[in-house]
Amino acid sequence: MTLNDFDRIASVYDLLARLVFGKSMVKAQIHFLPKIPAHAKVLILGGGTGWILTELFRMNPLCKVWYVEASAKMLALSRKRVNDEWPVKFIHGTEENIPLSMDFDVVITNFYLDLFNENALNEVVVRIKSALNVNSIWIATDFVNNQKLWQRVTLRIMYLFFQLACNIESTQLPAWKTAIQKTKYKKEEIKSFYGAFIETVWFTN
């Protein structure tokens, strides 16, 4: 089975997220979208079913998007949401398939970096950075572990589930904020959701 393969749960992924986290995951992912500059070239990695495209173009109709998704079924669902007039380039793949010639203004990694173990994550982050311009913005939304018992238990259950259902690479939450900061990005703003179990962070280069 392919690593990090979400095809098996693509049709129910959003429902599962709502059942467990209510609207928190959605609120976290859209929190910084209004701040994205007009006309920005936006790279979205692991966008899932594509609902974020509707929100992004509602708030910023002048941006251009490159949408990279490893799951063919997720990508198919995303295509169905797109207005033909929206400038979206769909790419079936991973960070390995980012068009490095584009020099992106913004990258969005929502619940993407948690898929990788620590060693792989550092390589992934460096590769992403290589596709961004010198004044770029990195918006990352993901889970955090504040060592509260309920968070540790929830993370353990989640990783067991996704290992069985999607063969994800990681077995525990990696230090994704630290990995981004190692590439000289700085945390400018942080907003917490769901009892500080989910954070969205606005990084600048």
C-alpha atoms as a PDB file:
ATOM      1  CA  MET A   1       0.000   0.000   0.000  1.00  0.00           C
ATOM      2  CA  THR A   2       1.226   3.483  -0.873  1.00  0.00           C
ATOM      3  CA  LEU A   3       2.373   5.716   1.980  1.00  0.00           C
ATOM      4  CA  ASN A   4       0.027   8.527   2.985  1.00  0.00           C
ATOM      5  CA  ASP A   5      -2.761   7.213   0.735  1.00  0.00           C
ATOM      6  CA  PHE A   6      -6.081   8.899   1.517  1.00  0.00           C
ATOM      7  CA  ASP A   7      -8.068   7.398  -1.362  1.00  0.00           C
ATOM      8  CA  ARG A   8      -9.881   4.951   0.922  1.00  0.00           C
ATOM      9  CA  ILE A   9     -11.390   7.673   3.098  1.00  0.00           C
ATOM     10  CA  ALA A  10     -11.650  10.561   0.628  1.00  0.00           C
ATOM     11  CA  SER A  11     -15.449  10.440   0.455  1.00  0.00           C
ATOM     12  CA  VAL A  12     -15.883  10.552   4.246  1.00  0.00           C
ATOM     13  CA  TYR A  13     -12.859  12.596   5.329  1.00  0.00           C
ATOM     14  CA  ASP A  14     -14.705  15.889   5.839  1.00  0.00           C
ATOM     15  CA  LEU A  15     -17.522  14.134   7.679  1.00  0.00           C
ATOM     16  CA  LEU A  16     -15.076  12.434  10.035  1.00  0.00           C
ATOM     17  CA  ALA A  17     -13.362  15.747  10.733  1.00  0.00           C
ATOM     18  CA  ARG A  18     -16.681  17.429  11.571  1.00  0.00           C
ATOM     19  CA  LEU A  19     -17.804  14.568  13.796  1.00  0.00           C
ATOM     20  CA  VAL A  20     -14.627  14.714  15.880  1.00  0.00           C
ATOM     21  CA  PHE A  21     -13.689  18.413  15.804  1.00  0.00           C
ATOM     22  CA  GLY A  22     -16.892  20.214  14.838  1.00  0.00           C
ATOM     23  CA  LYS A  23     -16.102  23.396  12.908  1.00  0.00           C
ATOM     24  CA  SER A  24     -12.692  23.901  14.515  1.00  0.00           C
ATOM     25  CA  MET A  25     -10.639  22.451  11.665  1.00  0.00           C
ATOM     26  CA  VAL A  26     -12.459  24.604   9.111  1.00  0.00           C
ATOM     27  CA  LYS A  27     -12.210  27.766  11.217  1.00  0.00           C
ATOM     28  CA  ALA A  28      -8.490  27.215  11.717  1.00  0.00           C
ATOM     29  CA  GLN A  29      -7.808  26.725   8.014  1.00  0.00           C
ATOM     30  CA  ILE A  30      -9.688  29.829   6.876  1.00  0.00           C
ATOM     31  CA  HIS A  31      -8.467  32.122   9.665  1.00  0.00           C
ATOM     32  CA  PHE A  32      -5.589  33.709   7.727  1.00  0.00           C
ATOM     33  CA  LEU A  33      -7.029  33.487   4.216  1.00  0.00           C
ATOM     34  CA  PRO A  34      -8.258  37.125   4.230  1.00  0.00           C
ATOM     35  CA  LYS A  35      -4.648  38.279   4.772  1.00  0.00           C
ATOM     36  CA  ILE A  36      -3.306  36.681   1.603  1.00  0.00           C
ATOM     37  CA  PRO A  37      -2.275  39.481  -0.791  1.00  0.00           C
ATOM     38  CA  ALA A  38      -4.297  40.053  -3.941  1.00  0.00           C
ATOM     39  CA  HIS A  39      -2.758  38.515  -7.075  1.00  0.00           C
ATOM     40  CA  ALA A  40      -0.656  36.160  -4.950  1.00  0.00           C
ATOM     41  CA  LYS A  41       0.602  32.913  -6.440  1.00  0.00           C
ATOM     42  CA  VAL A  42      -0.600  30.392  -3.859  1.00  0.00           C
ATOM     43  CA  LEU A  43       0.663  26.839  -3.445  1.00  0.00           C
ATOM     44  CA  ILE A  44      -1.642  24.485  -1.538  1.00  0.00           C
ATOM     45  CA  LEU A  45      -0.212  21.138  -0.475  1.00  0.00           C
ATOM     46  CA  GLY A  46      -2.509  18.316   0.580  1.00  0.00           C
ATOM     47  CA  GLY A  47      -5.680  20.314   0.082  1.00  0.00           C
ATOM     48  CA  GLY A  48      -7.970  17.348   0.575  1.00  0.00           C
ATOM     49  CA  THR A  49     -11.460  17.571  -0.908  1.00  0.00           C
ATOM     50  CA  GLY A  50     -10.968  21.141  -2.083  1.00  0.00           C
ATOM     51  CA  TRP A  51     -13.510  23.008   0.025  1.00  0.00           C
ATOM     52  CA  ILE A  52     -10.773  25.528   0.899  1.00  0.00           C
ATOM     53  CA  LEU A  53     -10.697  26.681  -2.733  1.00  0.00           C
ATOM     54  CA  THR A  54     -14.243  27.998  -2.428  1.00  0.00           C
ATOM     55  CA  GLU A  55     -13.296  29.960   0.678  1.00  0.00           C
ATOM     56  CA  LEU A  56     -10.043  31.258  -0.775  1.00  0.00           C
ATOM     57  CA  PHE A  57     -11.564  32.584  -4.000  1.00  0.00           C
ATOM     58  CA  ARG A  58     -14.494  34.070  -2.095  1.00  0.00           C
ATOM     59  CA  MET A  59     -12.036  36.107  -0.054  1.00  0.00           C
ATOM     60  CA  ASN A  60      -9.387  36.636  -2.720  1.00  0.00           C
ATOM     61  CA  PRO A  61     -10.765  36.267  -6.260  1.00  0.00           C
ATOM     62  CA  LEU A  62      -7.562  37.628  -7.839  1.00  0.00           C
ATOM     63  CA  CYS A  63      -5.132  35.016  -6.562  1.00  0.00           C
ATOM     64  CA  LYS A  64      -3.779  32.117  -8.612  1.00  0.00           C
ATOM     65  CA  VAL A  65      -3.566  28.637  -7.120  1.00  0.00           C
ATOM     66  CA  TRP A  66      -1.453  25.539  -7.684  1.00  0.00           C
ATOM     67  CA  TYR A  67      -3.186  22.679  -5.885  1.00  0.00           C
ATOM     68  CA  VAL A  68      -1.026  19.633  -5.106  1.00  0.00           C
ATOM     69  CA  GLU A  69      -2.778  16.517  -3.791  1.00  0.00           C
ATOM     70  CA  ALA A  70      -1.469  12.949  -3.619  1.00  0.00           C
ATOM     71  CA  SER A  71      -4.886  11.277  -3.468  1.00  0.00           C
ATOM     72  CA  ALA A  72      -6.506  10.868  -6.880  1.00  0.00           C
ATOM     73  CA  LYS A  73      -9.941  10.644  -5.274  1.00  0.00           C
ATOM     74  CA  MET A  74      -9.368  13.787  -3.216  1.00  0.00           C
ATOM     75  CA  LEU A  75      -8.221  15.555  -6.366  1.00  0.00           C
ATOM     76  CA  ALA A  76     -11.330  14.448  -8.254  1.00  0.00           C
ATOM     77  CA  LEU A  77     -13.541  15.825  -5.484  1.00  0.00           C
ATOM     78  CA  SER A  78     -11.587  19.083  -5.541  1.00  0.00           C
ATOM     79  CA  ARG A  79     -12.052  19.507  -9.300  1.00  0.00           C
ATOM     80  CA  LYS A  80     -15.818  19.277  -8.878  1.00  0.00           C
ATOM     81  CA  ARG A  81     -15.824  22.287  -6.569  1.00  0.00           C
ATOM     82  CA  VAL A  82     -14.005  24.597  -8.935  1.00  0.00           C
ATOM     83  CA  ASN A  83     -15.626  27.343 -10.960  1.00  0.00           C
ATOM     84  CA  ASP A  84     -14.248  27.232 -14.513  1.00  0.00           C
ATOM     85  CA  GLU A  85     -13.209  30.860 -14.188  1.00  0.00           C
ATOM     86  CA  TRP A  86     -10.966  30.226 -11.194  1.00  0.00           C
ATOM     87  CA  PRO A  87      -7.240  30.068 -12.030  1.00  0.00           C
ATOM     88  CA  VAL A  88      -6.392  26.715 -10.438  1.00  0.00           C
ATOM     89  CA  LYS A  89      -3.706  24.315 -11.613  1.00  0.00           C
ATOM     90  CA  PHE A  90      -4.303  20.822 -10.228  1.00  0.00           C
ATOM     91  CA  ILE A  91      -1.271  18.599  -9.707  1.00  0.00           C
ATOM     92  CA  HIS A  92      -1.579  14.943  -8.731  1.00  0.00           C
ATOM     93  CA  GLY A  93       1.424  14.373  -6.516  1.00  0.00           C
ATOM     94  CA  THR A  94       3.336  15.522  -3.449  1.00  0.00           C
ATOM     95  CA  GLU A  95       5.963  18.113  -2.583  1.00  0.00           C
ATOM     96  CA  GLU A  96       8.156  16.233  -5.069  1.00  0.00           C
ATOM     97  CA  ASN A  97       5.894  17.513  -7.850  1.00  0.00           C
ATOM     98  CA  ILE A  98       5.911  21.202  -6.960  1.00  0.00           C
ATOM     99  CA  PRO A  99       6.835  23.250 -10.049  1.00  0.00           C
ATOM    100  CA  LEU A 100      10.054  24.804  -8.792  1.00  0.00           C
ATOM    101  CA  SER A 101      10.075  27.470 -11.489  1.00  0.00           C
ATOM    102  CA  MET A 102       7.009  29.258 -10.101  1.00  0.00           C
ATOM    103  CA  ASP A 103       8.504  31.222  -7.175  1.00  0.00           C
ATOM    104  CA  PHE A 104       5.334  31.160  -5.042  1.00  0.00           C
ATOM    105  CA  ASP A 105       4.208  34.026  -2.804  1.00  0.00           C
ATOM    106  CA  VAL A 106       2.241  31.877  -0.344  1.00  0.00           C
ATOM    107  CA  VAL A 107       2.233  28.222   0.641  1.00  0.00           C
ATOM    108  CA  ILE A 108      -0.548  26.591   2.644  1.00  0.00           C
ATOM    109  CA  THR A 109       0.137  23.304   4.447  1.00  0.00           C
ATOM    110  CA  ASN A 110      -2.967  22.376   6.395  1.00  0.00           C
ATOM    111  CA  PHE A 111      -2.747  19.062   8.251  1.00  0.00           C
ATOM    112  CA  TYR A 112      -0.014  18.015   5.849  1.00  0.00           C
ATOM    113  CA  LEU A 113       3.242  18.173   7.774  1.00  0.00           C
ATOM    114  CA  ASP A 114       1.919  15.827  10.456  1.00  0.00           C
ATOM    115  CA  LEU A 115       2.122  12.949   7.970  1.00  0.00           C
ATOM    116  CA  PHE A 116       5.924  12.760   8.071  1.00  0.00           C
ATOM    117  CA  ASN A 117       8.432  11.507  10.601  1.00  0.00           C
ATOM    118  CA  GLU A 118      11.012  13.971  11.869  1.00  0.00           C
ATOM    119  CA  ASN A 119      13.750  13.099   9.383  1.00  0.00           C
ATOM    120  CA  ALA A 120      11.470  13.150   6.364  1.00  0.00           C
ATOM    121  CA  LEU A 121       9.752  16.320   7.563  1.00  0.00           C
ATOM    122  CA  ASN A 122      12.962  18.345   7.500  1.00  0.00           C
ATOM    123  CA  GLU A 123      13.553  17.307   3.881  1.00  0.00           C
ATOM    124  CA  VAL A 124       9.946  18.073   2.944  1.00  0.00           C
ATOM    125  CA  VAL A 125      10.100  21.545   4.464  1.00  0.00           C
ATOM    126  CA  VAL A 126      13.377  22.376   2.696  1.00  0.00           C
ATOM    127  CA  ARG A 127      11.912  21.266  -0.627  1.00  0.00           C
ATOM    128  CA  ILE A 128       8.809  23.407  -0.093  1.00  0.00           C
ATOM    129  CA  LYS A 129      10.925  26.441   0.771  1.00  0.00           C
ATOM    130  CA  SER A 130      12.907  26.045  -2.438  1.00  0.00           C
ATOM    131  CA  ALA A 131       9.720  26.803  -4.398  1.00  0.00           C
ATOM    132  CA  LEU A 132       8.972  30.049  -2.529  1.00  0.00           C
ATOM    133  CA  ASN A 133      10.162  33.585  -3.154  1.00  0.00           C
ATOM    134  CA  VAL A 134      12.280  35.553  -0.691  1.00  0.00           C
ATOM    135  CA  ASN A 135       9.332  37.467   0.749  1.00  0.00           C
ATOM    136  CA  SER A 136       6.956  34.547   0.928  1.00  0.00           C
ATOM    137  CA  ILE A 137       4.316  33.654   3.497  1.00  0.00           C
ATOM    138  CA  TRP A 138       3.824  30.190   4.951  1.00  0.00           C
ATOM    139  CA  ILE A 139       0.449  29.359   6.476  1.00  0.00           C
ATOM    140  CA  ALA A 140       0.551  26.105   8.432  1.00  0.00           C
ATOM    141  CA  THR A 141      -2.363  24.610  10.325  1.00  0.00           C
ATOM    142  CA  ASP A 142      -2.015  21.436  12.331  1.00  0.00           C
ATOM    143  CA  PHE A 143      -2.352  19.688  15.651  1.00  0.00           C
ATOM    144  CA  VAL A 144      -0.130  20.501  18.604  1.00  0.00           C
ATOM    145  CA  ASN A 145       0.716  18.455  21.655  1.00  0.00           C
ATOM    146  CA  ASN A 146       0.698  20.481  24.864  1.00  0.00           C
ATOM    147  CA  GLN A 147       1.133  17.271  26.860  1.00  0.00           C
ATOM    148  CA  LYS A 148      -2.415  17.315  28.136  1.00  0.00           C
ATOM    149  CA  LEU A 149      -3.708  13.789  28.688  1.00  0.00           C
ATOM    150  CA  TRP A 150      -6.700  14.154  26.362  1.00  0.00           C
ATOM    151  CA  GLN A 151      -4.454  15.490  23.604  1.00  0.00           C
ATOM    152  CA  ARG A 152      -1.970  12.638  23.937  1.00  0.00           C
ATOM    153  CA  VAL A 153      -4.778  10.078  23.876  1.00  0.00           C
ATOM    154  CA  THR A 154      -6.510  11.716  20.915  1.00  0.00           C
ATOM    155  CA  LEU A 155      -3.273  11.876  18.943  1.00  0.00           C
ATOM    156  CA  ARG A 156      -2.536   8.244  19.647  1.00  0.00           C
ATOM    157  CA  ILE A 157      -5.983   7.172  18.446  1.00  0.00           C
ATOM    158  CA  MET A 158      -5.759   9.368  15.363  1.00  0.00           C
ATOM    159  CA  TYR A 159      -2.356   8.057  14.334  1.00  0.00           C
ATOM    160  CA  LEU A 160      -3.442   4.455  14.827  1.00  0.00           C
ATOM    161  CA  PHE A 161      -6.527   5.057  12.700  1.00  0.00           C
ATOM    162  CA  PHE A 162      -4.671   6.779   9.862  1.00  0.00           C
ATOM    163  CA  GLN A 163      -1.905   4.193   9.898  1.00  0.00           C
ATOM    164  CA  LEU A 164      -4.511   1.487   9.336  1.00  0.00           C
ATOM    165  CA  ALA A 165      -6.702   3.435   6.904  1.00  0.00           C
ATOM    166  CA  CYS A 166      -4.106   5.439   4.966  1.00  0.00           C
ATOM    167  CA  ASN A 167      -0.716   3.904   5.749  1.00  0.00           C
ATOM    168  CA  ILE A 168       0.631   7.257   6.900  1.00  0.00           C
ATOM    169  CA  GLU A 169       4.360   7.488   7.356  1.00  0.00           C
ATOM    170  CA  SER A 170       4.513   9.058  10.812  1.00  0.00           C
ATOM    171  CA  THR A 171       3.621   7.323  14.080  1.00  0.00           C
ATOM    172  CA  GLN A 172       3.542  10.470  16.178  1.00  0.00           C
ATOM    173  CA  LEU A 173       3.141  14.209  15.787  1.00  0.00           C
ATOM    174  CA  PRO A 174       6.396  15.751  14.546  1.00  0.00           C
ATOM    175  CA  ALA A 175       7.707  19.174  15.557  1.00  0.00           C
ATOM    176  CA  TRP A 176       6.336  20.874  12.447  1.00  0.00           C
ATOM    177  CA  LYS A 177       6.690  24.455  13.699  1.00  0.00           C
ATOM    178  CA  THR A 178      10.328  23.856  14.591  1.00  0.00           C
ATOM    179  CA  ALA A 179      10.974  22.351  11.157  1.00  0.00           C
ATOM    180  CA  ILE A 180       9.600  25.444   9.423  1.00  0.00           C
ATOM    181  CA  GLN A 181      11.570  27.774  11.693  1.00  0.00           C
ATOM    182  CA  LYS A 182      14.792  25.919  10.892  1.00  0.00           C
ATOM    183  CA  THR A 183      14.448  27.284   7.361  1.00  0.00           C
ATOM    184  CA  LYS A 184      14.515  30.839   8.779  1.00  0.00           C
ATOM    185  CA  TYR A 185      10.780  31.465   8.679  1.00  0.00           C
ATOM    186  CA  LYS A 186       9.505  33.459  11.646  1.00  0.00           C
ATOM    187  CA  LYS A 187       6.229  33.020  13.512  1.00  0.00           C
ATOM    188  CA  GLU A 188       4.286  36.269  13.097  1.00  0.00           C
ATOM    189  CA  GLU A 189       0.835  35.237  14.320  1.00  0.00           C
ATOM    190  CA  ILE A 190      -0.695  32.171  15.957  1.00  0.00           C
ATOM    191  CA  LYS A 191      -4.354  31.375  16.534  1.00  0.00           C
ATOM    192  CA  SER A 192      -5.475  28.367  18.581  1.00  0.00           C
ATOM    193  CA  PHE A 193      -8.638  26.292  18.249  1.00  0.00           C
ATOM    194  CA  TYR A 194     -10.288  23.312  19.917  1.00  0.00           C
ATOM    195  CA  GLY A 195      -8.805  23.798  23.367  1.00  0.00           C
ATOM    196  CA  ALA A 196      -5.395  24.752  21.903  1.00  0.00           C
ATOM    197  CA  PHE A 197      -5.162  21.333  20.222  1.00  0.00           C
ATOM    198  CA  ILE A 198      -5.151  22.934  16.759  1.00  0.00           C
ATOM    199  CA  GLU A 199      -3.003  25.898  15.756  1.00  0.00           C
ATOM    200  CA  THR A 200      -2.777  27.929  12.608  1.00  0.00           C
ATOM    201  CA  VAL A 201       0.445  29.892  12.189  1.00  0.00           C
ATOM    202  CA  TRP A 202       1.380  32.763   9.873  1.00  0.00           C
ATOM    203  CA  PHE A 203       5.099  32.525   9.088  1.00  0.00           C
ATOM    204  CA  THR A 204       7.132  35.092   7.150  1.00  0.00           C
ATOM    205  CA  ASN A 205      10.517  34.695   5.518  1.00  0.00           C
END
